[in-house]
Protein backbone atom coordinates (compact mmCIF):
# COMPACT_ATOMS: atom_id res chain seq x y z
CA MET A 1 -17.70 0.87 25.74
CA LYS A 2 -14.34 -0.71 26.72
CA LYS A 3 -11.29 1.82 27.08
CA ARG A 4 -8.60 1.04 24.46
CA ASN A 5 -5.03 1.60 25.31
CA ASN A 6 -2.54 1.81 22.81
CA ILE A 7 1.51 1.02 23.17
CA SER A 8 4.08 1.99 21.00
CA VAL A 9 7.37 0.19 20.96
CA PHE A 10 10.40 -0.66 18.30
CA GLU A 11 11.85 -4.04 17.78
CA HIS A 12 14.48 -5.36 20.06
CA GLN A 13 13.01 -3.07 22.54
CA ARG A 14 11.89 -4.44 26.30
CA LEU A 15 8.17 -3.85 27.82
CA ASN A 16 7.85 -4.74 31.58
CA ILE A 17 4.46 -4.95 33.24
CA GLY A 18 3.22 -1.87 34.64
CA GLU A 19 4.36 0.04 31.49
CA GLN A 20 1.96 2.17 29.62
CA GLY A 21 -1.21 -0.15 30.81
CA PHE A 22 0.71 -3.54 30.12
CA LYS A 23 -0.76 -6.22 32.76
CA GLN A 24 0.32 -9.62 33.85
CA PHE A 25 -2.69 -11.23 31.88
CA HIS A 26 -1.40 -9.46 28.92
CA LEU A 27 2.08 -10.90 29.32
CA ASP A 28 0.73 -14.36 29.80
CA ALA A 29 -1.23 -13.83 26.88
CA LEU A 30 1.85 -12.68 24.83
CA LEU A 31 4.20 -15.76 26.31
CA LYS A 32 1.38 -18.16 24.81
CA LEU A 33 1.29 -16.63 21.88
CA ASN A 34 5.34 -16.48 21.46
CA GLU A 35 4.84 -20.45 22.48
CA TYR A 36 2.47 -20.94 19.57
CA HIS A 37 4.87 -19.13 17.03
CA ASP A 38 8.25 -21.55 18.33
CA GLY A 39 9.55 -18.51 20.53
CA ASN A 40 9.91 -16.30 17.36
CA TYR A 41 8.58 -13.09 18.41
CA PHE A 42 10.01 -12.11 21.34
CA GLU A 43 12.06 -13.24 24.22
CA PRO A 44 10.79 -13.65 28.05
CA ILE A 45 12.47 -11.39 30.50
CA ALA A 46 11.85 -10.85 34.12
CA LYS A 47 8.33 -9.51 34.61
CA GLY A 48 7.99 -8.60 30.82
CA VAL A 49 9.33 -9.21 27.00
CA LYS A 50 12.11 -8.19 24.68
CA PHE A 51 10.86 -7.78 21.00
CA ASN A 52 12.91 -9.51 18.45
CA GLN A 53 12.98 -8.52 14.50
CA TYR A 54 9.02 -9.24 14.20
CA VAL A 55 7.19 -5.65 13.65
CA GLY A 56 3.48 -5.33 13.57
CA VAL A 57 0.30 -5.34 15.71
CA ILE A 58 -0.59 -7.11 18.43
CA GLN A 59 -3.96 -6.77 19.92
CA VAL A 60 -5.37 -8.55 23.03
CA ASP A 61 -8.52 -7.58 25.46
CA GLY A 62 -8.47 -3.84 24.44
CA LEU A 63 -4.82 -3.23 24.42
CA THR A 64 -2.87 -2.59 21.18
CA ILE A 65 0.81 -3.15 21.15
CA GLU A 66 2.29 -1.49 17.76
CA ILE A 67 5.84 -2.79 17.33
CA ASN A 68 7.92 -0.33 14.83
CA PRO A 69 10.99 -1.20 12.92
CA LYS A 70 14.01 1.01 13.51
CA ALA A 71 17.17 0.37 11.69
CA ASP A 72 19.30 2.81 13.87
CA LYS A 73 18.71 2.50 17.95
CA TYR A 74 19.98 6.31 18.09
CA ASP A 75 17.40 7.53 15.71
CA ASP A 76 14.67 9.79 16.92
CA ASP A 77 11.76 7.85 17.15
CA ASN A 78 9.47 9.52 15.13
CA LYS A 79 11.56 9.05 12.19
CA TRP A 80 10.67 5.52 12.02
CA LYS A 81 6.47 5.99 12.73
CA GLY A 82 4.90 4.70 9.53
CA VAL A 83 7.77 3.19 7.82
CA LEU A 84 6.30 -0.26 8.10
CA LEU A 85 3.11 0.72 6.37
CA LYS A 86 5.48 2.34 3.42
CA MET A 87 7.43 -0.71 3.36
CA LEU A 88 4.70 -2.85 3.03
CA GLN A 89 2.96 -1.04 0.23
CA ALA A 90 6.29 -0.77 -1.77
CA CYS A 91 6.48 -4.59 -1.37
CA GLY A 92 3.05 -5.39 -2.71
CA LYS A 93 1.67 -6.27 0.42
CA LEU A 94 -0.96 -3.47 1.04
CA LYS A 95 -2.71 -1.55 -1.54
CA VAL A 96 -1.53 1.67 -1.81
CA GLU A 97 -4.91 3.59 -2.57
CA SER A 98 -5.78 2.56 1.09
CA SER A 99 -7.26 5.39 2.62
CA GLY A 100 -6.32 4.16 6.23
CA ALA A 101 -2.63 3.93 4.69
CA ALA A 102 -2.43 7.48 3.23
CA HIS A 103 -3.67 9.05 6.66
CA VAL A 104 -2.03 6.91 8.98
CA LYS A 105 -0.30 9.48 10.90
CA ARG A 106 -2.89 12.26 10.81
CA GLN A 107 -5.54 9.78 12.22
CA HIS A 108 -3.16 7.75 14.34
CA LEU A 109 -4.15 4.20 12.94
CA ASN A 110 -2.30 0.93 13.39
CA LEU A 111 -1.68 -1.45 11.25
CA LEU A 112 -4.64 -3.90 12.07
CA GLU A 113 -7.01 -1.07 11.53
CA VAL A 114 -5.56 -0.41 7.72
CA TYR A 115 -5.85 -4.14 6.83
CA PHE A 116 -9.71 -4.20 8.54
CA GLU A 117 -10.59 -1.32 6.57
CA LEU A 118 -9.08 -2.77 3.29
CA TYR A 119 -11.02 -5.95 3.76
CA LEU A 120 -14.14 -4.45 4.62
CA LEU A 121 -14.15 -2.18 1.63
CA GLU A 122 -13.28 -5.37 -0.70
CA VAL A 123 -16.21 -7.23 0.81
CA GLU A 124 -18.40 -4.11 0.43
CA ALA A 125 -17.52 -3.95 -3.30
CA LEU A 126 -18.14 -7.42 -3.73
CA VAL A 127 -21.66 -7.02 -2.40
CA ARG A 128 -22.33 -4.16 -4.38
CA LYS A 129 -21.26 -5.84 -7.43
CA GLY A 130 -23.16 -8.72 -6.73
CA LEU A 131 -22.33 -11.85 -4.80
CA ILE A 132 -21.77 -15.45 -6.79
CA LYS A 133 -23.86 -18.54 -6.36
CA GLN A 134 -22.26 -21.81 -6.62
CA TYR A 135 -23.72 -25.28 -6.64
CA ARG A 136 -23.34 -27.48 -3.67
CA LYS A 137 -24.97 -30.59 -2.04
CA GLN A 138 -27.70 -30.40 0.47
CA THR A 139 -28.89 -33.38 2.72
CA GLN A 140 -32.07 -32.71 4.46
CA ASN A 141 -35.77 -33.73 5.06
CA SER A 142 -38.08 -32.10 2.29
CA LYS A 143 -41.62 -32.87 1.29
CA ALA A 144 -40.81 -33.56 -2.23
CA LEU A 145 -38.54 -36.21 -4.00
CA LYS A 146 -35.90 -34.30 -5.13
CA GLY A 147 -32.24 -36.07 -5.82
CA LYS A 148 -31.14 -39.05 -4.19
CA LEU A 149 -33.12 -40.38 -1.42
CA GLU A 150 -30.70 -41.44 1.42
CA PHE A 151 -32.49 -44.59 2.79
CA ALA A 152 -30.53 -45.01 6.02
CA GLY A 153 -31.16 -41.38 6.96
CA HIS A 154 -34.95 -41.79 5.59
CA ILE A 155 -35.97 -44.74 7.94
CA ARG A 156 -34.24 -43.14 10.84
CA LYS A 157 -35.84 -39.90 10.51
CA ASN A 158 -39.18 -40.36 8.95
CA ILE A 159 -40.73 -43.61 10.62
CA VAL A 160 -43.71 -41.12 11.76
CA HIS A 161 -43.53 -38.36 9.20
CA LYS A 162 -44.45 -40.71 5.87
CA GLU A 163 -44.84 -37.43 4.02
CA ARG A 164 -41.40 -36.46 4.15
CA PHE A 165 -38.06 -37.76 2.18
CA TYR A 166 -34.55 -37.45 3.42
CA THR A 167 -32.53 -36.66 0.21
CA THR A 168 -29.21 -35.54 -0.86
CA HIS A 169 -29.56 -32.93 -3.76
CA GLN A 170 -27.90 -29.84 -5.45
CA VAL A 171 -28.77 -26.40 -4.26
CA TYR A 172 -27.65 -23.24 -6.39
CA ASP A 173 -27.31 -20.17 -3.71
CA SER A 174 -24.71 -18.04 -1.88
CA ASN A 175 -24.15 -20.30 1.11
CA HIS A 176 -21.04 -22.08 -0.14
CA PHE A 177 -17.05 -22.04 0.89
CA LEU A 178 -15.94 -18.82 -0.50
CA HIS A 179 -18.74 -16.96 1.49
CA GLN A 180 -18.07 -19.07 4.59
CA VAL A 181 -14.43 -17.90 4.66
CA LEU A 182 -15.22 -13.95 3.97
CA GLN A 183 -17.93 -14.27 6.88
CA ASN A 184 -15.66 -16.37 9.19
CA ALA A 185 -13.07 -13.10 8.65
CA LEU A 186 -15.76 -10.81 8.96
CA THR A 187 -16.89 -11.94 12.68
CA ILE A 188 -13.17 -11.60 13.66
CA VAL A 189 -13.31 -7.93 12.37
CA ILE A 190 -16.28 -7.00 13.96
CA GLN A 191 -15.13 -8.33 17.81
CA PHE A 192 -11.85 -6.24 17.40
CA THR A 193 -13.60 -2.94 15.64
CA ASN A 194 -16.08 -2.86 18.30
CA GLY A 195 -15.62 0.80 19.87
CA SER A 196 -13.48 2.01 16.96
CA ARG A 197 -13.96 4.19 14.07
CA LEU A 198 -14.59 1.10 12.16
CA GLN A 199 -17.39 -0.29 13.80
CA ASP A 200 -20.18 1.37 11.79
CA LEU A 201 -18.74 0.30 8.64
CA ALA A 202 -18.04 -3.41 10.00
CA ASN A 203 -21.97 -3.72 10.88
CA ARG A 204 -23.03 -2.16 7.80
CA VAL A 205 -20.90 -4.80 5.96
CA GLN A 206 -22.33 -7.32 8.16
CA LEU A 207 -26.00 -6.20 7.72
CA ASN A 208 -25.89 -6.72 3.96
CA PHE A 209 -23.98 -9.98 3.84
CA PRO A 210 -25.89 -12.81 3.21
CA GLU A 211 -26.41 -15.51 5.76
CA VAL A 212 -24.17 -18.55 5.48
CA ALA A 213 -23.37 -21.64 7.72
CA ALA A 214 -20.67 -21.19 10.26
CA LYS A 215 -17.67 -23.08 9.69
CA THR A 216 -14.38 -23.64 11.28
CA ILE A 217 -11.78 -22.62 8.59
CA THR A 218 -8.18 -24.29 8.53
CA ALA A 219 -5.30 -23.63 6.89
CA LYS A 220 -5.12 -26.04 4.61
CA GLU A 221 -8.58 -25.20 3.20
CA LEU A 222 -7.58 -21.68 2.93
CA ASN A 223 -4.62 -22.62 0.76
CA ASP A 224 -6.45 -25.02 -1.23
CA ILE A 225 -8.64 -22.37 -2.53
CA GLN A 226 -8.69 -22.37 -6.41
CA LEU A 227 -10.49 -19.28 -8.23
CA ASN A 228 -11.82 -19.56 -11.52
CA ARG A 229 -12.87 -16.80 -13.95
CA LYS A 230 -15.98 -16.47 -12.45
CA SER A 231 -14.86 -15.83 -8.92
CA SER A 232 -11.58 -13.93 -9.63
CA SER A 233 -12.94 -10.79 -8.32
CA TYR A 234 -12.91 -12.63 -4.65
CA ASN A 235 -9.08 -12.88 -4.50
CA ALA A 236 -8.32 -9.56 -2.95
CA ALA A 237 -10.89 -10.17 -0.36
CA LEU A 238 -9.74 -13.83 0.28
CA GLU A 239 -6.21 -12.85 0.50
CA LEU A 240 -7.06 -10.74 3.18
CA ALA A 241 -9.65 -12.68 5.00
CA ARG A 242 -6.89 -15.61 4.77
CA LEU A 243 -4.30 -13.12 6.71
CA ILE A 244 -7.01 -12.37 9.42
CA ILE A 245 -8.20 -15.98 9.99
CA LEU A 246 -4.55 -17.40 10.42
CA ASN A 247 -3.50 -14.78 13.09
CA TYR A 248 -6.65 -14.92 15.06
CA SER A 249 -5.97 -16.85 18.10
CA PRO A 250 -9.55 -17.19 20.08
CA ASP A 251 -8.29 -19.31 22.87
CA ILE A 252 -4.37 -18.76 23.06
CA SER A 253 -4.78 -16.53 26.33
CA SER A 254 -6.72 -19.39 28.24
CA GLY A 255 -9.33 -16.90 29.26
CA LYS A 256 -12.06 -14.83 27.59
CA GLU A 257 -9.54 -12.74 26.06
CA LYS A 258 -9.26 -12.97 22.24
CA MET A 259 -5.82 -12.20 20.52
CA LEU A 260 -5.27 -11.17 17.20
CA SER A 261 -1.63 -10.66 15.82
CA LEU A 262 -0.11 -9.38 12.65
CA LEU A 263 3.53 -9.49 12.64
CA PHE A 264 6.18 -9.11 9.74
CA ASN A 265 9.59 -10.39 10.03
CA MET A 266 11.83 -7.28 9.31
CA ASN A 267 14.67 -9.54 7.82
CA GLU A 268 12.47 -11.03 5.21
CA LEU A 269 10.42 -7.49 4.48
CA TRP A 270 13.78 -6.07 4.08
CA GLU A 271 14.89 -8.77 1.69
CA THR A 272 11.64 -8.19 -0.16
CA TYR A 273 12.06 -4.58 -0.48
CA ILE A 274 15.39 -4.16 -1.67
CA LEU A 275 14.83 -7.38 -4.24
CA LYS A 276 11.78 -5.23 -5.51
CA GLN A 277 13.77 -1.96 -5.69
CA LEU A 278 16.51 -3.45 -7.75
CA GLN A 279 14.10 -5.23 -10.07
CA LYS A 280 12.36 -1.94 -10.80
CA VAL A 281 15.50 0.32 -11.20
CA CYS A 282 17.16 -2.52 -13.68
CA VAL A 283 14.23 -2.69 -16.03
CA GLY A 284 15.39 -1.91 -19.64
CA THR A 285 19.12 -2.41 -18.92
CA ASP A 286 21.26 -5.64 -19.35
CA ILE A 287 21.13 -6.61 -15.83
CA LYS A 288 19.12 -9.41 -14.46
CA VAL A 289 17.66 -9.75 -11.41
CA SER A 290 16.38 -12.97 -9.15
CA GLY A 291 15.77 -13.76 -5.76
CA GLN A 292 15.98 -16.86 -3.64
CA GLU A 293 17.79 -19.04 -6.28
CA SER A 294 18.71 -22.43 -4.80
CA LYS A 295 21.43 -24.95 -5.38
CA SER A 296 22.00 -28.51 -3.56
CA PHE A 297 25.04 -28.83 -1.63
CA TRP A 298 24.62 -31.76 0.51
CA GLY A 299 21.56 -34.22 0.31
CA SER A 300 18.45 -32.48 0.83
CA ASN A 301 20.34 -29.20 2.10
CA SER A 302 20.30 -26.40 -0.20
CA LEU A 303 22.12 -22.91 -0.45
CA ARG A 304 19.77 -19.69 -1.23
CA PRO A 305 21.11 -16.25 -1.59
CA ASP A 306 18.81 -13.32 -1.36
CA ILE A 307 19.36 -11.71 -4.52
CA VAL A 308 21.49 -12.71 -7.53
CA LEU A 309 22.33 -10.34 -10.33
CA ARG A 310 23.55 -11.19 -13.57
CA GLN A 311 25.16 -8.56 -16.23
CA GLY A 312 26.70 -10.44 -19.10
CA GLU A 313 28.91 -13.13 -17.78
CA LYS A 314 29.45 -11.53 -14.60
CA THR A 315 27.35 -12.87 -11.56
CA LEU A 316 26.80 -10.67 -8.29
CA ILE A 317 25.28 -11.57 -4.97
CA ILE A 318 23.74 -9.73 -2.38
CA ASP A 319 22.61 -10.87 0.92
CA THR A 320 20.63 -8.52 2.89
CA LYS A 321 20.63 -8.02 6.71
CA TRP A 322 18.55 -5.98 8.43
CA LYS A 323 20.23 -6.22 11.91
CA ARG A 324 23.51 -3.94 12.08
CA PRO A 325 26.71 -5.54 12.81
CA ASN A 326 28.50 -4.86 15.91
CA ARG A 327 31.40 -2.61 15.49
CA SER A 328 30.70 -2.14 11.97
CA SER A 329 32.46 -5.76 11.28
CA ALA A 330 30.65 -8.60 9.57
CA SER A 331 30.75 -11.86 11.45
CA VAL A 332 32.87 -14.50 10.38
CA GLY A 333 29.86 -16.93 9.63
CA ASP A 334 28.52 -14.43 7.29
CA LEU A 335 31.62 -14.11 5.59
CA ARG A 336 31.93 -17.84 4.69
CA GLN A 337 28.52 -17.95 3.57
CA MET A 338 29.38 -15.35 1.17
CA TYR A 339 32.55 -17.05 0.04
CA THR A 340 30.30 -20.18 -0.32
CA TYR A 341 27.78 -18.27 -2.44
CA CYS A 342 30.91 -17.02 -4.63
CA ARG A 343 31.90 -20.58 -5.00
CA PHE A 344 28.77 -22.32 -5.86
CA TRP A 345 27.10 -19.62 -8.17
CA ASP A 346 30.82 -18.45 -9.67
CA ALA A 347 30.30 -15.18 -8.81
CA GLU A 348 33.29 -12.50 -8.88
CA LYS A 349 31.76 -9.98 -5.90
CA ALA A 350 29.37 -10.66 -3.00
CA MET A 351 27.95 -8.04 -0.78
CA LEU A 352 26.29 -8.02 2.70
CA LEU A 353 23.69 -5.30 2.40
CA TYR A 354 22.38 -3.49 5.76
CA PRO A 355 20.39 -0.54 6.57
CA GLY A 356 22.31 2.69 7.43
CA ASP A 357 24.34 5.80 6.34
CA TYR A 358 26.66 5.26 3.52
CA THR A 359 30.30 4.06 4.58
CA GLU A 360 33.25 3.74 2.14
CA ASN A 361 33.94 0.13 2.21
CA LYS A 362 36.14 -1.47 -0.49
CA PHE A 363 35.75 -4.92 -2.19
CA LYS A 364 38.27 -7.14 -0.53
CA SER A 365 39.44 -10.63 -2.14
CA TYR A 366 39.40 -13.73 -0.47
CA LEU A 367 42.74 -15.29 0.11
CA THR A 368 41.94 -18.74 -1.95
CA ASP A 369 42.83 -20.04 -5.42
CA ASP A 370 39.67 -20.72 -7.21
CA TYR A 371 38.73 -22.08 -10.40
CA SER A 372 35.83 -22.14 -12.83
CA LYS A 373 35.13 -23.90 -16.20
CA HIS A 374 33.62 -22.72 -19.44
CA GLU A 375 31.40 -24.95 -21.02
CA ASN A 376 34.47 -26.31 -23.03
CA ASP A 377 35.81 -27.73 -19.58
CA GLU A 378 38.58 -25.15 -19.90
CA ALA A 379 39.55 -23.84 -16.71
CA PHE A 380 40.30 -20.29 -15.47
CA GLY A 381 41.06 -18.67 -12.28
CA ILE A 382 38.44 -16.59 -10.24
CA ASN A 383 38.99 -14.10 -7.88
CA HIS A 384 36.21 -13.56 -5.30
CA GLN A 385 35.57 -10.70 -3.48
CA CYS A 386 33.28 -9.55 -0.74
CA LYS A 387 32.42 -6.37 1.13
CA MET A 388 29.78 -4.80 3.66
CA GLY A 389 27.42 -1.93 2.25
CA PHE A 390 24.94 0.26 3.65
CA VAL A 391 22.08 1.96 2.22
CA SER A 392 19.70 4.60 4.03
CA VAL A 393 16.16 3.54 3.99
CA LEU A 394 14.91 7.02 4.59
CA ASP A 395 15.69 10.21 2.74
CA GLN A 396 16.07 13.55 4.32
CA ASN A 397 12.07 14.42 4.41
CA ASN A 398 11.83 10.82 6.44
CA GLU A 399 10.34 9.34 3.23
CA LEU A 400 11.41 5.72 1.77
CA ASN A 401 14.49 6.56 -0.17
CA LYS A 402 13.25 6.30 -3.97
CA ASN A 403 16.87 6.15 -5.07
CA ILE A 404 17.94 3.11 -2.98
CA GLY A 405 18.00 0.57 -5.96
CA ASN A 406 20.74 3.19 -7.73
CA LYS A 407 22.71 3.43 -4.68
CA ILE A 408 22.87 -0.49 -4.36
CA ILE A 409 23.96 -0.71 -7.83
CA LYS A 410 26.76 1.75 -7.57
CA LEU A 411 27.87 -0.05 -4.18
CA LEU A 412 28.13 -3.08 -6.17
CA GLU A 413 30.39 -1.05 -8.59
CA GLY A 414 32.81 0.50 -5.90
């Protein structure tokens, strides 16, 4: 059994060859993975890499690299362990009832193992419930004439065997595309759980899963899957299978090592998390919250603020920023962007929201004379304001701050 090494790092941290079992062929594999993803995951440095805002897990040839989020580089490392799992749960990207997620600290599980366990349990539940069958077309030789006789193929294959018929006919069985997708992901999981605590579970699920034809699954095929009332119970398992298949890179290291990466952009995750928390706290109030509204402003180009809040005739804009600003000062580019949002949405206030301890910041007005129009075309002056807001991700117990939504609303009032 191959020994498994684990490396734990944080976003924007460096990892060099020779550290914690990190070798040259690991670096070569990571660089090719990064090139495949347009250089987004990390930056190449001398004999190593510097991670960007992508967090999660990469596994290659027995080495597991866990990249953790960390809003403040001066915080204790242990404070941020497990935060990614909690944020994924809060954003609906991971089932809360997962036993792996619930015991991640005690069992030292990584994110891949949590998702693998979820997938295996979903497939096992489908097998226990009874896998569905579907009609499919099958073309083959048979001793009975059924379906449509394929003349060209029949002549080519059965010149000698006059008793056979080469036909296309319908078959009703378990060997259909949905099961081929599940089997494809199951094969990947078995490769990466060999020698782990999930090996027995993976082997048991594979043993009970029906034999289906091996098929190369494309991203387009995965995106085009349509479920009906009969197959709706497959939704969770297929979503996890899609995640596993699309993040599997069997030949990216140009060698025998296979790689699986499961990485999340912290900027996008932070935006989704804040949106979910605001929507939750504003239920039953007169505040309406929406995300990713879009307005065209030049040809095919559009503006898209992260979060828009409406309270009566008032409109408020929030743009989430996971990376803290240098010297606690917003960039000119960000301020110009917020001004543009204010103009296009007739918003009175806009806020750049960062993770961090509360800092007393007041709204400041843009030094411009702007006007908006009512439905009757009557113009009125509008004073656009902007500020930087900071809100703590974690509470005193190093758990996700459950009061974060209310804190943000108060920041908008100040």
